[in-house]
C-alpha atoms as a PDB file:
ATOM      1  CA  MET A   1       0.000   0.000   0.000  1.00  0.00           C
ATOM      2  CA  SER A   2       1.353   3.412  -0.955  1.00  0.00           C
ATOM      3  CA  SER A   3       1.754   6.238   1.539  1.00  0.00           C
ATOM      4  CA  LYS A   4      -1.075   8.092  -0.186  1.00  0.00           C
ATOM      5  CA  GLU A   5      -3.454   5.148   0.284  1.00  0.00           C
ATOM      6  CA  THR A   6      -2.349   4.779   3.905  1.00  0.00           C
ATOM      7  CA  ILE A   7      -3.113   8.436   4.628  1.00  0.00           C
ATOM      8  CA  LEU A   8      -6.496   8.319   2.866  1.00  0.00           C
ATOM      9  CA  ASN A   9      -7.498   5.115   4.691  1.00  0.00           C
ATOM     10  CA  SER A  10      -6.490   6.675   8.003  1.00  0.00           C
ATOM     11  CA  ILE A  11      -8.647   9.707   7.265  1.00  0.00           C
ATOM     12  CA  ARG A  12     -11.621   7.497   6.328  1.00  0.00           C
ATOM     13  CA  GLU A  13     -11.282   5.422   9.502  1.00  0.00           C
ATOM     14  CA  ASN A  14     -11.047   8.457  11.773  1.00  0.00           C
ATOM     15  CA  THR A  15     -13.722  10.622  10.186  1.00  0.00           C
ATOM     16  CA  ILE A  16     -16.813  10.857  12.317  1.00  0.00           C
ATOM     17  CA  THR A  17     -19.985  11.093  10.309  1.00  0.00           C
ATOM     18  CA  SER A  18     -23.373  11.693  11.775  1.00  0.00           C
ATOM     19  CA  THR A  19     -26.580  13.002  10.412  1.00  0.00           C
ATOM     20  CA  ILE A  20     -27.769  16.057  12.223  1.00  0.00           C
ATOM     21  CA  LYS A  21     -31.272  17.216  11.582  1.00  0.00           C
ATOM     22  CA  LEU A  22     -31.337  20.759  10.251  1.00  0.00           C
ATOM     23  CA  PRO A  23     -33.285  23.320  12.263  1.00  0.00           C
ATOM     24  CA  GLU A  24     -36.739  24.409  11.178  1.00  0.00           C
ATOM     25  CA  THR A  25     -36.635  27.487   8.990  1.00  0.00           C
ATOM     26  CA  ASN A  26     -40.342  28.065   8.549  1.00  0.00           C
ATOM     27  CA  ILE A  27     -40.317  31.139  10.739  1.00  0.00           C
ATOM     28  CA  PRO A  28     -42.279  34.249   9.784  1.00  0.00           C
ATOM     29  CA  HIS A  29     -40.230  36.737   7.790  1.00  0.00           C
ATOM     30  CA  ILE A  30     -40.591  40.412   7.022  1.00  0.00           C
ATOM     31  CA  SER A  31     -43.334  41.297   4.591  1.00  0.00           C
ATOM     32  CA  TYR A  32     -43.344  44.754   3.018  1.00  0.00           C
ATOM     33  CA  GLU A  33     -46.580  46.555   2.348  1.00  0.00           C
ATOM     34  CA  ASN A  34     -45.122  48.208  -0.750  1.00  0.00           C
ATOM     35  CA  LYS A  35     -42.359  46.050  -2.225  1.00  0.00           C
ATOM     36  CA  ASN A  36     -41.680  48.520  -5.043  1.00  0.00           C
ATOM     37  CA  GLU A  37     -40.953  51.400  -2.643  1.00  0.00           C
ATOM     38  CA  LYS A  38     -38.818  49.222  -0.377  1.00  0.00           C
ATOM     39  CA  TYR A  39     -36.871  47.840  -3.338  1.00  0.00           C
ATOM     40  CA  ALA A  40     -36.228  51.297  -4.816  1.00  0.00           C
ATOM     41  CA  ALA A  41     -35.045  52.656  -1.441  1.00  0.00           C
ATOM     42  CA  ALA A  42     -32.762  49.664  -0.786  1.00  0.00           C
ATOM     43  CA  LEU A  43     -31.237  49.869  -4.254  1.00  0.00           C
ATOM     44  CA  ALA A  44     -30.724  53.636  -4.005  1.00  0.00           C
ATOM     45  CA  SER A  45     -28.900  53.143  -0.695  1.00  0.00           C
ATOM     46  CA  VAL A  46     -26.245  51.083  -2.512  1.00  0.00           C
ATOM     47  CA  GLY A  47     -25.899  53.406  -5.512  1.00  0.00           C
ATOM     48  CA  GLY A  48     -28.365  51.916  -8.006  1.00  0.00           C
ATOM     49  CA  ASN A  49     -31.688  53.068  -9.355  1.00  0.00           C
ATOM     50  CA  ALA A  50     -34.960  51.315 -10.105  1.00  0.00           C
ATOM     51  CA  VAL A  51     -37.337  52.286 -12.899  1.00  0.00           C
ATOM     52  CA  TRP A  52     -40.782  50.883 -13.695  1.00  0.00           C
ATOM     53  CA  LEU A  53     -41.366  50.979 -17.448  1.00  0.00           C
ATOM     54  CA  GLU A  54     -45.011  51.544 -18.316  1.00  0.00           C
ATOM     55  CA  ASP A  55     -45.012  50.664 -22.020  1.00  0.00           C
ATOM     56  CA  GLY A  56     -42.444  47.850 -21.846  1.00  0.00           C
ATOM     57  CA  ASP A  57     -40.395  49.189 -24.787  1.00  0.00           C
ATOM     58  CA  ILE A  58     -36.828  48.474 -23.675  1.00  0.00           C
ATOM     59  CA  ASN A  59     -35.345  49.626 -26.997  1.00  0.00           C
ATOM     60  CA  ALA A  60     -36.971  53.068 -26.643  1.00  0.00           C
ATOM     61  CA  PHE A  61     -35.843  53.330 -23.003  1.00  0.00           C
ATOM     62  CA  VAL A  62     -32.217  52.629 -23.937  1.00  0.00           C
ATOM     63  CA  ALA A  63     -32.369  55.029 -26.909  1.00  0.00           C
ATOM     64  CA  GLU A  64     -33.615  57.795 -24.604  1.00  0.00           C
ATOM     65  CA  HIS A  65     -31.536  57.215 -21.465  1.00  0.00           C
ATOM     66  CA  TYR A  66     -28.311  55.828 -22.956  1.00  0.00           C
ATOM     67  CA  LYS A  67     -28.149  57.860 -26.198  1.00  0.00           C
ATOM     68  CA  ASP A  68     -24.398  58.592 -25.888  1.00  0.00           C
ATOM     69  CA  THR A  69     -23.570  54.943 -25.342  1.00  0.00           C
ATOM     70  CA  GLU A  70     -21.567  53.435 -28.180  1.00  0.00           C
ATOM     71  CA  VAL A  71     -20.935  49.756 -27.405  1.00  0.00           C
ATOM     72  CA  ILE A  72     -24.026  47.892 -26.185  1.00  0.00           C
ATOM     73  CA  ALA A  73     -24.057  44.147 -25.543  1.00  0.00           C
ATOM     74  CA  SER A  74     -27.136  42.189 -24.586  1.00  0.00           C
ATOM     75  CA  THR A  75     -28.224  38.733 -23.543  1.00  0.00           C
ATOM     76  CA  CYS A  76     -31.855  39.848 -23.204  1.00  0.00           C
ATOM     77  CA  LYS A  77     -34.105  38.672 -26.062  1.00  0.00           C
ATOM     78  CA  GLU A  78     -36.509  41.579 -25.532  1.00  0.00           C
ATOM     79  CA  PHE A  79     -33.755  44.064 -26.397  1.00  0.00           C
ATOM     80  CA  THR A  80     -32.782  44.094 -30.074  1.00  0.00           C
ATOM     81  CA  ASN A  81     -30.612  47.205 -30.509  1.00  0.00           C
ATOM     82  CA  GLU A  82     -27.272  45.857 -29.296  1.00  0.00           C
ATOM     83  CA  THR A  83     -24.208  46.930 -31.229  1.00  0.00           C
ATOM     84  CA  ILE A  84     -22.263  43.726 -30.529  1.00  0.00           C
ATOM     85  CA  ASP A  85     -23.311  40.145 -29.890  1.00  0.00           C
ATOM     86  CA  ALA A  86     -22.212  39.346 -26.319  1.00  0.00           C
ATOM     87  CA  ASN A  87     -21.922  35.626 -27.114  1.00  0.00           C
ATOM     88  CA  LYS A  88     -19.973  35.904 -30.372  1.00  0.00           C
ATOM     89  CA  PRO A  89     -16.422  36.494 -29.069  1.00  0.00           C
ATOM     90  CA  ASN A  90     -14.397  33.378 -28.288  1.00  0.00           C
ATOM     91  CA  THR A  91     -12.875  35.040 -25.248  1.00  0.00           C
ATOM     92  CA  PRO A  92     -14.441  37.362 -22.655  1.00  0.00           C
ATOM     93  CA  HIS A  93     -11.528  39.769 -23.132  1.00  0.00           C
ATOM     94  CA  ALA A  94     -13.290  41.013 -26.270  1.00  0.00           C
ATOM     95  CA  LEU A  95     -16.001  42.502 -24.021  1.00  0.00           C
ATOM     96  CA  GLU A  96     -13.635  44.890 -22.237  1.00  0.00           C
ATOM     97  CA  ASN A  97     -14.978  47.957 -24.081  1.00  0.00           C
ATOM     98  CA  VAL A  98     -18.692  47.343 -23.472  1.00  0.00           C
ATOM     99  CA  ASP A  99     -20.335  50.583 -22.356  1.00  0.00           C
ATOM    100  CA  LEU A 100     -23.729  49.056 -21.524  1.00  0.00           C
ATOM    101  CA  ALA A 101     -24.754  45.467 -20.866  1.00  0.00           C
ATOM    102  CA  VAL A 102     -28.475  44.720 -21.052  1.00  0.00           C
ATOM    103  CA  ILE A 103     -29.159  41.534 -19.124  1.00  0.00           C
ATOM    104  CA  LYS A 104     -32.146  39.809 -17.579  1.00  0.00           C
ATOM    105  CA  ALA A 105     -32.731  38.825 -13.953  1.00  0.00           C
ATOM    106  CA  GLN A 106     -35.173  36.225 -12.688  1.00  0.00           C
ATOM    107  CA  PHE A 107     -36.396  38.196  -9.659  1.00  0.00           C
ATOM    108  CA  ALA A 108     -35.622  41.080  -7.297  1.00  0.00           C
ATOM    109  CA  VAL A 109     -35.316  41.147  -3.482  1.00  0.00           C
ATOM    110  CA  ALA A 110     -37.019  44.074  -1.720  1.00  0.00           C
ATOM    111  CA  GLU A 111     -35.071  43.951   1.558  1.00  0.00           C
ATOM    112  CA  ASN A 112     -31.638  44.615   0.013  1.00  0.00           C
ATOM    113  CA  GLY A 113     -32.147  45.821  -3.555  1.00  0.00           C
ATOM    114  CA  ALA A 114     -30.589  42.728  -5.125  1.00  0.00           C
ATOM    115  CA  VAL A 115     -31.566  40.826  -8.257  1.00  0.00           C
ATOM    116  CA  TRP A 116     -30.914  37.157  -9.018  1.00  0.00           C
ATOM    117  CA  VAL A 117     -29.187  36.689 -12.379  1.00  0.00           C
ATOM    118  CA  LYS A 118     -28.928  33.217 -13.844  1.00  0.00           C
ATOM    119  CA  ASN A 119     -28.622  33.379 -17.584  1.00  0.00           C
ATOM    120  CA  PRO A 120     -27.525  30.101 -19.185  1.00  0.00           C
ATOM    121  CA  GLU A 121     -27.716  31.769 -22.620  1.00  0.00           C
ATOM    122  CA  ASN A 122     -24.853  34.104 -21.639  1.00  0.00           C
ATOM    123  CA  ARG A 123     -21.597  32.602 -22.865  1.00  0.00           C
ATOM    124  CA  HIS A 124     -19.310  34.995 -20.957  1.00  0.00           C
ATOM    125  CA  ARG A 125     -20.316  35.777 -17.379  1.00  0.00           C
ATOM    126  CA  ALA A 126     -17.508  38.347 -17.330  1.00  0.00           C
ATOM    127  CA  LEU A 127     -19.969  40.615 -19.147  1.00  0.00           C
ATOM    128  CA  TYR A 128     -21.603  41.387 -15.779  1.00  0.00           C
ATOM    129  CA  PHE A 129     -18.316  42.741 -14.436  1.00  0.00           C
ATOM    130  CA  LEU A 130     -16.588  44.246 -17.482  1.00  0.00           C
ATOM    131  CA  ALA A 131     -19.391  46.508 -18.711  1.00  0.00           C
ATOM    132  CA  LYS A 132     -19.229  50.139 -17.621  1.00  0.00           C
ATOM    133  CA  GLN A 133     -22.995  50.206 -16.989  1.00  0.00           C
ATOM    134  CA  LEU A 134     -25.631  47.536 -16.351  1.00  0.00           C
ATOM    135  CA  LEU A 135     -29.280  47.637 -17.341  1.00  0.00           C
ATOM    136  CA  ILE A 136     -30.988  44.689 -15.705  1.00  0.00           C
ATOM    137  CA  ILE A 137     -34.471  43.736 -16.878  1.00  0.00           C
ATOM    138  CA  VAL A 138     -36.868  42.188 -14.330  1.00  0.00           C
ATOM    139  CA  ASP A 139     -40.540  41.251 -14.538  1.00  0.00           C
ATOM    140  CA  LYS A 140     -42.457  43.829 -12.469  1.00  0.00           C
ATOM    141  CA  ASN A 141     -44.313  41.030 -10.643  1.00  0.00           C
ATOM    142  CA  ALA A 142     -41.125  39.190  -9.675  1.00  0.00           C
ATOM    143  CA  ILE A 143     -40.194  40.916  -6.407  1.00  0.00           C
ATOM    144  CA  VAL A 144     -39.851  38.852  -3.238  1.00  0.00           C
ATOM    145  CA  ASP A 145     -39.696  40.363   0.246  1.00  0.00           C
ATOM    146  CA  THR A 146     -36.586  38.755   1.724  1.00  0.00           C
ATOM    147  CA  MET A 147     -33.487  36.713   0.975  1.00  0.00           C
ATOM    148  CA  HIS A 148     -35.208  33.765   2.697  1.00  0.00           C
ATOM    149  CA  GLU A 149     -37.816  33.794  -0.081  1.00  0.00           C
ATOM    150  CA  ALA A 150     -35.114  34.362  -2.687  1.00  0.00           C
ATOM    151  CA  TYR A 151     -33.149  31.268  -1.657  1.00  0.00           C
ATOM    152  CA  GLU A 152     -36.299  29.170  -1.976  1.00  0.00           C
ATOM    153  CA  GLN A 153     -36.529  30.161  -5.660  1.00  0.00           C
ATOM    154  CA  ILE A 154     -32.923  29.476  -6.623  1.00  0.00           C
ATOM    155  CA  GLU A 155     -32.290  26.353  -8.687  1.00  0.00           C
ATOM    156  CA  PHE A 156     -29.069  24.964 -10.132  1.00  0.00           C
ATOM    157  CA  ASN A 157     -30.487  21.958 -11.976  1.00  0.00           C
ATOM    158  CA  LYS A 158     -29.474  23.009 -15.494  1.00  0.00           C
ATOM    159  CA  SER A 159     -26.888  25.778 -15.286  1.00  0.00           C
ATOM    160  CA  GLY A 160     -24.376  26.029 -12.483  1.00  0.00           C
ATOM    161  CA  TYR A 161     -23.744  29.760 -12.415  1.00  0.00           C
ATOM    162  CA  GLY A 162     -25.889  32.450 -10.866  1.00  0.00           C
ATOM    163  CA  LEU A 163     -25.319  35.544  -8.762  1.00  0.00           C
ATOM    164  CA  PHE A 164     -27.009  38.291  -6.827  1.00  0.00           C
ATOM    165  CA  ILE A 165     -26.278  41.809  -8.052  1.00  0.00           C
ATOM    166  CA  SER A 166     -27.137  44.789  -5.881  1.00  0.00           C
ATOM    167  CA  GLY A 167     -26.369  48.100  -7.541  1.00  0.00           C
ATOM    168  CA  PRO A 168     -23.113  49.066  -9.228  1.00  0.00           C
ATOM    169  CA  SER A 169     -19.680  47.849  -8.202  1.00  0.00           C
ATOM    170  CA  LYS A 170     -18.602  49.328  -4.882  1.00  0.00           C
ATOM    171  CA  THR A 171     -16.141  48.993  -2.044  1.00  0.00           C
ATOM    172  CA  ALA A 172     -15.628  50.616   1.333  1.00  0.00           C
ATOM    173  CA  ASP A 173     -12.287  48.993   2.148  1.00  0.00           C
ATOM    174  CA  ILE A 174     -10.285  52.208   2.042  1.00  0.00           C
ATOM    175  CA  GLU A 175     -10.921  54.192   5.219  1.00  0.00           C
ATOM    176  CA  GLN A 176     -14.502  52.866   5.208  1.00  0.00           C
ATOM    177  CA  SER A 177     -15.411  55.382   2.528  1.00  0.00           C
ATOM    178  CA  LEU A 178     -17.846  54.094  -0.117  1.00  0.00           C
ATOM    179  CA  VAL A 179     -16.416  54.156  -3.650  1.00  0.00           C
ATOM    180  CA  ILE A 180     -18.802  53.390  -6.540  1.00  0.00           C
ATOM    181  CA  GLY A 181     -17.414  51.653  -9.627  1.00  0.00           C
ATOM    182  CA  ALA A 182     -14.171  50.599  -7.987  1.00  0.00           C
ATOM    183  CA  HIS A 183     -13.804  47.290  -9.823  1.00  0.00           C
ATOM    184  CA  GLY A 184     -16.737  46.922 -12.162  1.00  0.00           C
ATOM    185  CA  PRO A 185     -19.825  48.732 -13.475  1.00  0.00           C
ATOM    186  CA  THR A 186     -20.162  52.344 -12.344  1.00  0.00           C
ATOM    187  CA  ASP A 187     -23.928  52.390 -12.853  1.00  0.00           C
ATOM    188  CA  ALA A 188     -26.704  49.849 -12.417  1.00  0.00           C
ATOM    189  CA  CYS A 189     -30.308  50.443 -13.374  1.00  0.00           C
ATOM    190  CA  ILE A 190     -32.958  47.833 -12.632  1.00  0.00           C
ATOM    191  CA  LEU A 191     -35.752  48.156 -15.197  1.00  0.00           C
ATOM    192  CA  PHE A 192     -39.043  46.568 -14.221  1.00  0.00           C
ATOM    193  CA  VAL A 193     -41.214  45.686 -17.224  1.00  0.00           C
END
């Protein structure tokens, strides 16, 4: 028997395994009377902004609010005015000059202003971090109250990558002073349609 096998067998023999029943988590959670107001306030507190689009025309919204934007990449099927195909490059490095990324989120969380993004159609997840600005599209009826509810909706059956995004990139490491856009997007708008 090799020394590797000896070590592994020793670990197996001395590892204590027991099944411990997990605690009950069906406790009552916060419920907000107006989820839209709470979401907008939470997102604003971390440097983002929330907009509710009445007519649902994402192309017109981008043309009006991002008219000086040159390089637009999108993984959102409802948006058709992208200037580059986000999935076409073989390497994510080709996305380094993206001014605006239009992406879709599955739902939003009122308590902290986050959105859950799990987009298996997106070839390069670096798009979320390389773009200078993010426009994240969310169904206006897809707002949950708390992270407890959010975790109940998360699934990883098909695609293994997902993340919560809450506002633009930020850090407060240096003298506990908040810096927006320190290592990623400088602006994040959540567009409810």
